[in-house]
Amino acid sequence: CEFDLTGLEYISGDALGIYPFNNPDEVQDIINILCFDNDVLVNIPVHAYNPKPTGTSISLFDALLRYYDLKSVRGDLVKVICDSVTNITEKKKGEKLLKDGLNKNNITLTRYLSDHEVIDVFMDFPSHSCPPQVILINLRPLQPRYYSIASSPCMGLSKVSICAAVIRYTLHEMQRTGVCTTYLQDRLTTGGQVPVFISQNPDFRLPK
């Protein structure tokens, strides 16, 4: 991928940080499973990057699309979901997962978290009654992705290129995709804009 970096500068060894959007189809699947409305308003997260939305709230759809990690599950999310389930079978499953607490010594929970994404938790415990804002508080922030710059500043500082393998995989018999690589490959159109920044790496420089 090639980016126009007008206004930014880099030197050899720096990395390009990219703020990706989640897959909108995956966001919609989550909202559908939760039986929420796309347009329900939630608080703008404190970790929202610039340019930030105006006002104090945004739609649930936009919040999940831009600001929350839908791949890596926090144990806290599992707990708040399990604490609110009404189905007896789900309640017993949650009690088994959380029997040894949220620490890393809970092998059962650690294994569950290692091969489940956010949507899987909602599918495993559909009888929960957590409101949208409680769910968001217990999600991880969507972190920027860092890619080594494959181009040389000697060829011009206004453009930068990166190389990345597109990630697609199967988990629990469902087709999944990487966050940033499929965002760049499948959803970002030519001429489209994406929030980026230069991540300086003073310890990785060409010898003088």
Protein backbone atom coordinates (compact mmCIF):
# COMPACT_ATOMS: atom_id res chain seq x y z
CA CYS A 1 0.00 0.00 0.00
CA GLU A 2 1.14 3.52 -0.73
CA PHE A 3 0.16 6.54 1.36
CA ASP A 4 0.41 10.27 0.77
CA LEU A 5 2.16 11.67 3.84
CA THR A 6 1.96 15.36 2.98
CA GLY A 7 2.74 17.20 6.21
CA LEU A 8 4.59 14.28 7.83
CA GLU A 9 8.24 13.29 7.64
CA TYR A 10 10.08 10.05 8.31
CA ILE A 11 13.56 8.61 8.10
CA SER A 12 14.74 5.08 7.41
CA GLY A 13 13.89 2.78 10.31
CA ASP A 14 10.65 4.51 11.30
CA ALA A 15 7.33 2.70 11.17
CA LEU A 16 3.92 3.79 9.94
CA GLY A 17 1.14 3.66 12.52
CA ILE A 18 -2.35 3.10 11.14
CA TYR A 19 -5.68 3.48 12.93
CA PRO A 20 -7.86 0.88 11.17
CA PHE A 21 -11.62 0.50 11.17
CA ASN A 22 -13.17 -2.84 12.07
CA ASN A 23 -15.02 -4.81 9.44
CA PRO A 24 -18.52 -3.23 9.26
CA ASP A 25 -20.07 -6.64 8.60
CA GLU A 26 -18.58 -7.96 11.84
CA VAL A 27 -19.82 -4.88 13.71
CA GLN A 28 -23.31 -5.41 12.32
CA ASP A 29 -23.25 -9.09 13.28
CA ILE A 30 -22.41 -8.16 16.87
CA ILE A 31 -25.15 -5.54 17.08
CA ASN A 32 -27.66 -7.99 15.61
CA ILE A 33 -26.72 -10.70 18.11
CA LEU A 34 -27.09 -8.21 20.95
CA CYS A 35 -30.47 -7.04 19.57
CA PHE A 36 -29.37 -3.41 19.86
CA ASP A 37 -30.11 -0.53 17.51
CA ASN A 38 -27.23 0.73 15.35
CA ASP A 39 -28.07 4.32 16.20
CA VAL A 40 -28.29 4.04 19.98
CA LEU A 41 -26.03 6.74 21.43
CA VAL A 42 -23.01 5.91 23.58
CA ASN A 43 -20.25 8.03 25.09
CA ILE A 44 -17.28 8.97 22.95
CA PRO A 45 -14.42 6.93 24.47
CA VAL A 46 -11.59 8.75 26.19
CA HIS A 47 -9.14 6.93 23.90
CA ALA A 48 -10.72 8.35 20.74
CA TYR A 49 -7.96 9.60 18.43
CA ASN A 50 -7.87 12.83 16.43
CA PRO A 51 -9.84 14.03 14.64
CA LYS A 52 -12.35 13.26 17.38
CA PRO A 53 -16.12 13.32 16.78
CA THR A 54 -17.88 16.48 17.85
CA GLY A 55 -20.16 16.45 20.88
CA THR A 56 -20.13 13.88 23.66
CA SER A 57 -21.79 10.85 22.02
CA ILE A 58 -21.72 8.76 18.87
CA SER A 59 -23.76 5.85 17.56
CA LEU A 60 -23.03 2.36 18.85
CA PHE A 61 -22.20 1.26 15.31
CA ASP A 62 -19.57 3.99 14.84
CA ALA A 63 -18.09 3.35 18.29
CA LEU A 64 -17.60 -0.37 17.57
CA LEU A 65 -16.37 0.36 14.06
CA ARG A 66 -13.66 2.82 15.05
CA TYR A 67 -12.65 2.52 18.66
CA TYR A 68 -13.01 -0.98 20.15
CA ASP A 69 -11.07 -4.22 19.76
CA LEU A 70 -13.44 -6.96 18.62
CA LYS A 71 -10.77 -9.67 18.51
CA SER A 72 -9.09 -9.78 21.92
CA VAL A 73 -11.47 -10.51 24.81
CA ARG A 74 -11.01 -9.18 28.33
CA GLY A 75 -11.88 -11.41 31.25
CA ASP A 76 -13.92 -8.50 32.64
CA LEU A 77 -16.24 -8.73 29.63
CA VAL A 78 -16.86 -12.41 30.26
CA LYS A 79 -17.64 -11.63 33.92
CA VAL A 80 -20.18 -8.85 33.31
CA ILE A 81 -21.86 -10.94 30.63
CA CYS A 82 -21.99 -14.07 32.79
CA ASP A 83 -23.21 -12.11 35.81
CA SER A 84 -26.29 -10.99 33.87
CA VAL A 85 -27.37 -14.22 32.13
CA THR A 86 -30.75 -15.72 32.93
CA ASN A 87 -30.39 -19.10 31.23
CA ILE A 88 -29.45 -21.84 33.72
CA THR A 89 -27.09 -23.66 31.34
CA GLU A 90 -25.29 -20.42 30.48
CA LYS A 91 -25.07 -19.51 34.15
CA LYS A 92 -23.40 -22.84 34.99
CA LYS A 93 -20.99 -22.42 32.08
CA GLY A 94 -20.09 -18.94 33.31
CA GLU A 95 -19.56 -20.16 36.87
CA LYS A 96 -17.19 -22.83 35.58
CA LEU A 97 -15.19 -20.29 33.57
CA LEU A 98 -14.95 -17.84 36.47
CA LYS A 99 -14.55 -20.32 39.35
CA ASP A 100 -10.90 -19.34 39.85
CA GLY A 101 -11.38 -15.61 39.27
CA LEU A 102 -9.98 -13.33 36.58
CA ASN A 103 -6.27 -13.80 37.23
CA LYS A 104 -3.87 -15.65 34.95
CA ASN A 105 -3.91 -18.67 37.24
CA ASN A 106 -7.43 -19.41 36.02
CA ILE A 107 -6.39 -21.84 33.29
CA THR A 108 -9.97 -22.50 32.15
CA LEU A 109 -10.65 -18.82 31.55
CA THR A 110 -7.24 -18.21 30.00
CA ARG A 111 -7.83 -20.96 27.46
CA TYR A 112 -11.28 -19.59 26.69
CA LEU A 113 -9.95 -16.09 26.11
CA SER A 114 -7.14 -17.35 23.88
CA ASP A 115 -9.44 -18.78 21.21
CA HIS A 116 -12.59 -16.65 21.47
CA GLU A 117 -13.34 -13.26 19.99
CA VAL A 118 -15.88 -10.73 21.26
CA ILE A 119 -18.70 -12.02 19.07
CA ASP A 120 -18.10 -15.56 20.38
CA VAL A 121 -18.76 -14.44 23.96
CA PHE A 122 -22.10 -12.94 22.98
CA MET A 123 -23.01 -16.11 21.06
CA ASP A 124 -22.07 -18.32 24.03
CA PHE A 125 -24.17 -16.28 26.49
CA PRO A 126 -27.16 -14.91 24.53
CA SER A 127 -29.44 -14.53 27.56
CA HIS A 128 -27.36 -11.74 29.11
CA SER A 129 -28.89 -8.31 29.71
CA CYS A 130 -25.90 -5.95 29.67
CA PRO A 131 -26.63 -2.47 28.26
CA PRO A 132 -24.41 -1.10 25.45
CA GLN A 133 -22.36 1.27 27.60
CA VAL A 134 -21.47 -1.48 30.09
CA ILE A 135 -20.30 -3.70 27.25
CA LEU A 136 -18.13 -0.95 25.76
CA ILE A 137 -16.47 -0.21 29.10
CA ASN A 138 -15.32 -3.83 29.20
CA LEU A 139 -13.87 -3.94 25.68
CA ARG A 140 -10.24 -3.21 24.88
CA PRO A 141 -9.44 -0.06 22.88
CA LEU A 142 -8.72 -0.72 19.21
CA GLN A 143 -4.97 -0.19 18.96
CA PRO A 144 -3.11 1.23 15.97
CA ARG A 145 -1.17 -1.22 13.84
CA TYR A 146 2.50 -0.60 13.07
CA TYR A 147 4.15 -1.47 9.77
CA SER A 148 7.77 -1.15 8.72
CA ILE A 149 8.16 1.38 5.96
CA ALA A 150 9.26 -0.30 2.74
CA SER A 151 10.07 2.87 0.80
CA SER A 152 13.03 5.23 1.07
CA PRO A 153 12.76 8.88 2.07
CA CYS A 154 15.43 9.52 -0.57
CA MET A 155 12.71 8.88 -3.18
CA GLY A 156 10.49 11.58 -1.70
CA LEU A 157 9.09 12.30 1.74
CA SER A 158 5.52 12.87 0.59
CA LYS A 159 4.79 9.20 -0.09
CA VAL A 160 5.37 6.04 1.91
CA SER A 161 4.86 2.36 1.10
CA ILE A 162 4.30 -0.65 3.34
CA CYS A 163 4.09 -4.38 2.67
CA ALA A 164 1.67 -6.56 4.64
CA ALA A 165 0.14 -10.02 4.29
CA VAL A 166 -3.67 -10.06 4.31
CA ILE A 167 -4.89 -12.18 7.22
CA ARG A 168 -7.89 -14.49 6.83
CA TYR A 169 -8.59 -17.53 9.02
CA THR A 170 -11.26 -19.86 10.39
CA LEU A 171 -12.19 -20.02 14.08
CA HIS A 172 -15.03 -22.10 15.53
CA GLU A 173 -16.18 -22.88 11.98
CA MET A 174 -16.60 -19.19 11.18
CA GLN A 175 -14.59 -17.26 8.60
CA ARG A 176 -12.61 -14.44 10.23
CA THR A 177 -10.36 -11.67 8.99
CA GLY A 178 -7.52 -9.56 10.30
CA VAL A 179 -8.42 -6.01 11.26
CA CYS A 180 -5.99 -3.74 9.48
CA THR A 181 -4.82 -5.82 6.54
CA THR A 182 -8.35 -6.46 5.26
CA TYR A 183 -9.24 -2.84 5.97
CA LEU A 184 -6.44 -1.77 3.62
CA GLN A 185 -7.04 -4.51 1.06
CA ASP A 186 -10.83 -4.79 0.94
CA ARG A 187 -12.39 -1.61 2.26
CA LEU A 188 -10.04 1.34 1.77
CA THR A 189 -10.54 2.71 -1.72
CA THR A 190 -7.91 4.43 -3.86
CA GLY A 191 -7.75 8.04 -2.77
CA GLY A 192 -9.45 7.25 0.54
CA GLN A 193 -8.27 8.77 3.81
CA VAL A 194 -7.01 6.86 6.83
CA PRO A 195 -5.60 8.19 10.13
CA VAL A 196 -1.85 7.53 10.21
CA PHE A 197 1.21 8.74 12.09
CA ILE A 198 4.94 8.18 12.05
CA SER A 199 6.31 6.02 14.85
CA GLN A 200 9.94 7.01 15.31
CA ASN A 201 12.46 4.30 16.10
CA PRO A 202 15.79 5.88 17.02
CA ASP A 203 17.27 2.47 17.88
CA PHE A 204 16.75 1.17 14.34
CA ARG A 205 18.84 3.29 11.99
CA LEU A 206 21.20 2.73 9.10
CA PRO A 207 24.86 2.96 10.13
CA LYS A 208 26.53 6.27 9.39
